Amino acid sequence: MAGDTLGIDWDGVITHFPREIRILASKFSRVIIITLNKGITPERAYEALGRSAEVEICPDEERDNHSLWKAKTCYRCGVDLMIDDDSFVIAECRSLGIPALAVNAMFYQTLMYEL
């Protein structure tokens, strides 16, 4: 079924919006965490999301161009929607025809600090 694979970044997305991402992830049959964070495992993903998720971690040799790596990973994995806090990732995904949504973790941090 089209529209059934969600790609999500860990740092700045799951870390900052855990409840909201858990709700969103429950609506998809397949979830892939696409991250630079080498400490993310399928077990940590399950704890955070309350469901199983695949984990794709950027290799060291791709870190300098991680935005393109994330977009290509989305394309290779058939991601129907990618959520990230990096506008360069969003632009790269969109250039490959992958719908992508940006969240603003810095704005959220500032807002929570002021409250």
C-alpha atoms as a PDB file:
ATOM      1  CA  MET A   1       0.000   0.000   0.000  1.00  0.00           C
ATOM      2  CA  ALA A   2       1.375   3.413  -0.949  1.00  0.00           C
ATOM      3  CA  GLY A   3       2.040   5.887   1.836  1.00  0.00           C
ATOM      4  CA  ASP A   4       2.857   3.193   4.345  1.00  0.00           C
ATOM      5  CA  THR A   5       6.542   3.742   5.217  1.00  0.00           C
ATOM      6  CA  LEU A   6       7.609   6.495   7.601  1.00  0.00           C
ATOM      7  CA  GLY A   7      11.227   7.654   7.829  1.00  0.00           C
ATOM      8  CA  ILE A   8      12.219   9.594  10.939  1.00  0.00           C
ATOM      9  CA  ASP A   9      15.346  11.138  12.341  1.00  0.00           C
ATOM     10  CA  TRP A  10      16.285  10.417  15.953  1.00  0.00           C
ATOM     11  CA  ASP A  11      18.019  13.509  17.358  1.00  0.00           C
ATOM     12  CA  GLY A  12      15.826  16.581  17.203  1.00  0.00           C
ATOM     13  CA  VAL A  13      12.753  14.627  16.129  1.00  0.00           C
ATOM     14  CA  ILE A  14      12.084  11.556  18.266  1.00  0.00           C
ATOM     15  CA  THR A  15      14.087  13.064  21.130  1.00  0.00           C
ATOM     16  CA  HIS A  16      12.100  16.302  21.128  1.00  0.00           C
ATOM     17  CA  PHE A  17       8.650  15.058  20.155  1.00  0.00           C
ATOM     18  CA  PRO A  18       8.460  11.494  21.515  1.00  0.00           C
ATOM     19  CA  ARG A  19       4.734  11.363  22.229  1.00  0.00           C
ATOM     20  CA  GLU A  20       3.738  12.921  18.932  1.00  0.00           C
ATOM     21  CA  ILE A  21       6.094  10.746  16.893  1.00  0.00           C
ATOM     22  CA  ARG A  22       4.846   7.625  18.706  1.00  0.00           C
ATOM     23  CA  ILE A  23       1.280   8.520  17.674  1.00  0.00           C
ATOM     24  CA  LEU A  24       2.315   9.215  14.079  1.00  0.00           C
ATOM     25  CA  ALA A  25       4.435   6.065  13.823  1.00  0.00           C
ATOM     26  CA  SER A  26       1.484   3.945  14.929  1.00  0.00           C
ATOM     27  CA  LYS A  27      -0.331   4.960  11.728  1.00  0.00           C
ATOM     28  CA  PHE A  28       2.317   3.423   9.453  1.00  0.00           C
ATOM     29  CA  SER A  29       2.930  -0.268   8.847  1.00  0.00           C
ATOM     30  CA  ARG A  30       6.695   0.289   8.475  1.00  0.00           C
ATOM     31  CA  VAL A  31       8.958   2.742  10.294  1.00  0.00           C
ATOM     32  CA  ILE A  32      12.627   3.387   9.571  1.00  0.00           C
ATOM     33  CA  ILE A  33      14.836   5.514  11.780  1.00  0.00           C
ATOM     34  CA  ILE A  34      17.411   7.221   9.566  1.00  0.00           C
ATOM     35  CA  THR A  35      20.025   8.804  11.773  1.00  0.00           C
ATOM     36  CA  LEU A  36      23.623   9.817  12.384  1.00  0.00           C
ATOM     37  CA  ASN A  37      23.382   8.569  15.978  1.00  0.00           C
ATOM     38  CA  LYS A  38      25.451   5.395  16.280  1.00  0.00           C
ATOM     39  CA  GLY A  39      23.830   4.480  19.596  1.00  0.00           C
ATOM     40  CA  ILE A  40      20.395   3.778  18.168  1.00  0.00           C
ATOM     41  CA  THR A  41      19.374   0.134  18.067  1.00  0.00           C
ATOM     42  CA  PRO A  42      16.120  -1.577  17.175  1.00  0.00           C
ATOM     43  CA  GLU A  43      15.633  -2.116  20.918  1.00  0.00           C
ATOM     44  CA  ARG A  44      15.978   1.611  21.701  1.00  0.00           C
ATOM     45  CA  ALA A  45      13.641   2.360  18.820  1.00  0.00           C
ATOM     46  CA  TYR A  46      11.062  -0.031  20.248  1.00  0.00           C
ATOM     47  CA  GLU A  47      11.306   1.624  23.668  1.00  0.00           C
ATOM     48  CA  ALA A  48      10.811   5.076  22.151  1.00  0.00           C
ATOM     49  CA  LEU A  49       8.096   4.214  19.656  1.00  0.00           C
ATOM     50  CA  GLY A  50       6.311   1.331  21.338  1.00  0.00           C
ATOM     51  CA  ARG A  51       6.666  -0.679  18.156  1.00  0.00           C
ATOM     52  CA  SER A  52       9.347  -2.223  15.994  1.00  0.00           C
ATOM     53  CA  ALA A  53      11.347  -0.061  13.620  1.00  0.00           C
ATOM     54  CA  GLU A  54      14.244  -0.566  11.273  1.00  0.00           C
ATOM     55  CA  VAL A  55      17.378   1.464  11.958  1.00  0.00           C
ATOM     56  CA  GLU A  56      19.687   2.935   9.305  1.00  0.00           C
ATOM     57  CA  ILE A  57      22.821   4.648  10.659  1.00  0.00           C
ATOM     58  CA  CYS A  58      24.948   6.883   8.469  1.00  0.00           C
ATOM     59  CA  PRO A  59      28.354   5.327   7.769  1.00  0.00           C
ATOM     60  CA  ASP A  60      31.387   7.385   8.760  1.00  0.00           C
ATOM     61  CA  GLU A  61      32.431   7.910   5.150  1.00  0.00           C
ATOM     62  CA  GLU A  62      29.038   9.541   4.344  1.00  0.00           C
ATOM     63  CA  ARG A  63      28.876  11.884   7.343  1.00  0.00           C
ATOM     64  CA  ASP A  64      30.209  14.914   5.438  1.00  0.00           C
ATOM     65  CA  ASN A  65      27.290  14.579   3.015  1.00  0.00           C
ATOM     66  CA  HIS A  66      24.749  13.082   5.399  1.00  0.00           C
ATOM     67  CA  SER A  67      21.815  14.989   3.898  1.00  0.00           C
ATOM     68  CA  LEU A  68      22.228  13.265   0.558  1.00  0.00           C
ATOM     69  CA  TRP A  69      22.880   9.927   2.298  1.00  0.00           C
ATOM     70  CA  LYS A  70      19.608  10.259   4.226  1.00  0.00           C
ATOM     71  CA  ALA A  71      17.690  11.120   1.045  1.00  0.00           C
ATOM     72  CA  LYS A  72      19.210   8.197  -0.860  1.00  0.00           C
ATOM     73  CA  THR A  73      18.421   5.907   2.063  1.00  0.00           C
ATOM     74  CA  CYS A  74      14.808   7.089   1.986  1.00  0.00           C
ATOM     75  CA  TYR A  75      14.673   6.404  -1.739  1.00  0.00           C
ATOM     76  CA  ARG A  76      16.282   2.957  -1.414  1.00  0.00           C
ATOM     77  CA  CYS A  77      13.949   1.981   1.445  1.00  0.00           C
ATOM     78  CA  GLY A  78      10.793   3.269  -0.230  1.00  0.00           C
ATOM     79  CA  VAL A  79      10.044   5.910   2.391  1.00  0.00           C
ATOM     80  CA  ASP A  80       6.746   7.664   1.720  1.00  0.00           C
ATOM     81  CA  LEU A  81       7.287  10.475   4.248  1.00  0.00           C
ATOM     82  CA  MET A  82      10.506  11.611   5.945  1.00  0.00           C
ATOM     83  CA  ILE A  83      10.551  13.761   9.074  1.00  0.00           C
ATOM     84  CA  ASP A  84      13.786  15.517  10.039  1.00  0.00           C
ATOM     85  CA  ASP A  85      14.954  18.675  11.791  1.00  0.00           C
ATOM     86  CA  ASP A  86      17.606  19.430   9.155  1.00  0.00           C
ATOM     87  CA  SER A  87      16.386  21.578   6.268  1.00  0.00           C
ATOM     88  CA  PHE A  88      19.152  20.225   4.009  1.00  0.00           C
ATOM     89  CA  VAL A  89      17.767  16.699   4.487  1.00  0.00           C
ATOM     90  CA  ILE A  90      14.301  17.976   3.605  1.00  0.00           C
ATOM     91  CA  ALA A  91      15.625  19.625   0.435  1.00  0.00           C
ATOM     92  CA  GLU A  92      17.564  16.515  -0.636  1.00  0.00           C
ATOM     93  CA  CYS A  93      14.543  14.266  -0.046  1.00  0.00           C
ATOM     94  CA  ARG A  94      12.276  16.556  -2.018  1.00  0.00           C
ATOM     95  CA  SER A  95      14.808  16.665  -4.862  1.00  0.00           C
ATOM     96  CA  LEU A  96      14.375  12.878  -5.117  1.00  0.00           C
ATOM     97  CA  GLY A  97      10.578  13.150  -5.033  1.00  0.00           C
ATOM     98  CA  ILE A  98      10.233  12.028  -1.408  1.00  0.00           C
ATOM     99  CA  PRO A  99       7.737  14.038   0.652  1.00  0.00           C
ATOM    100  CA  ALA A 100       9.526  15.429   3.686  1.00  0.00           C
ATOM    101  CA  LEU A 101       8.439  17.404   6.704  1.00  0.00           C
ATOM    102  CA  ALA A 102      10.688  19.581   8.880  1.00  0.00           C
ATOM    103  CA  VAL A 103      10.319  19.956  12.616  1.00  0.00           C
ATOM    104  CA  ASN A 104      11.980  22.800  14.469  1.00  0.00           C
ATOM    105  CA  ALA A 105      13.628  21.366  17.566  1.00  0.00           C
ATOM    106  CA  MET A 106      15.470  24.627  18.341  1.00  0.00           C
ATOM    107  CA  PHE A 107      12.219  26.586  18.412  1.00  0.00           C
ATOM    108  CA  TYR A 108      10.720  23.944  20.699  1.00  0.00           C
ATOM    109  CA  GLN A 109      13.710  24.133  23.070  1.00  0.00           C
ATOM    110  CA  THR A 110      13.463  27.922  23.215  1.00  0.00           C
ATOM    111  CA  LEU A 111       9.730  27.794  23.844  1.00  0.00           C
ATOM    112  CA  MET A 112      10.073  25.226  26.637  1.00  0.00           C
ATOM    113  CA  TYR A 113      12.908  27.217  28.226  1.00  0.00           C
ATOM    114  CA  GLU A 114      10.766  30.364  28.319  1.00  0.00           C
ATOM    115  CA  LEU A 115       7.826  28.588  29.937  1.00  0.00           C
END
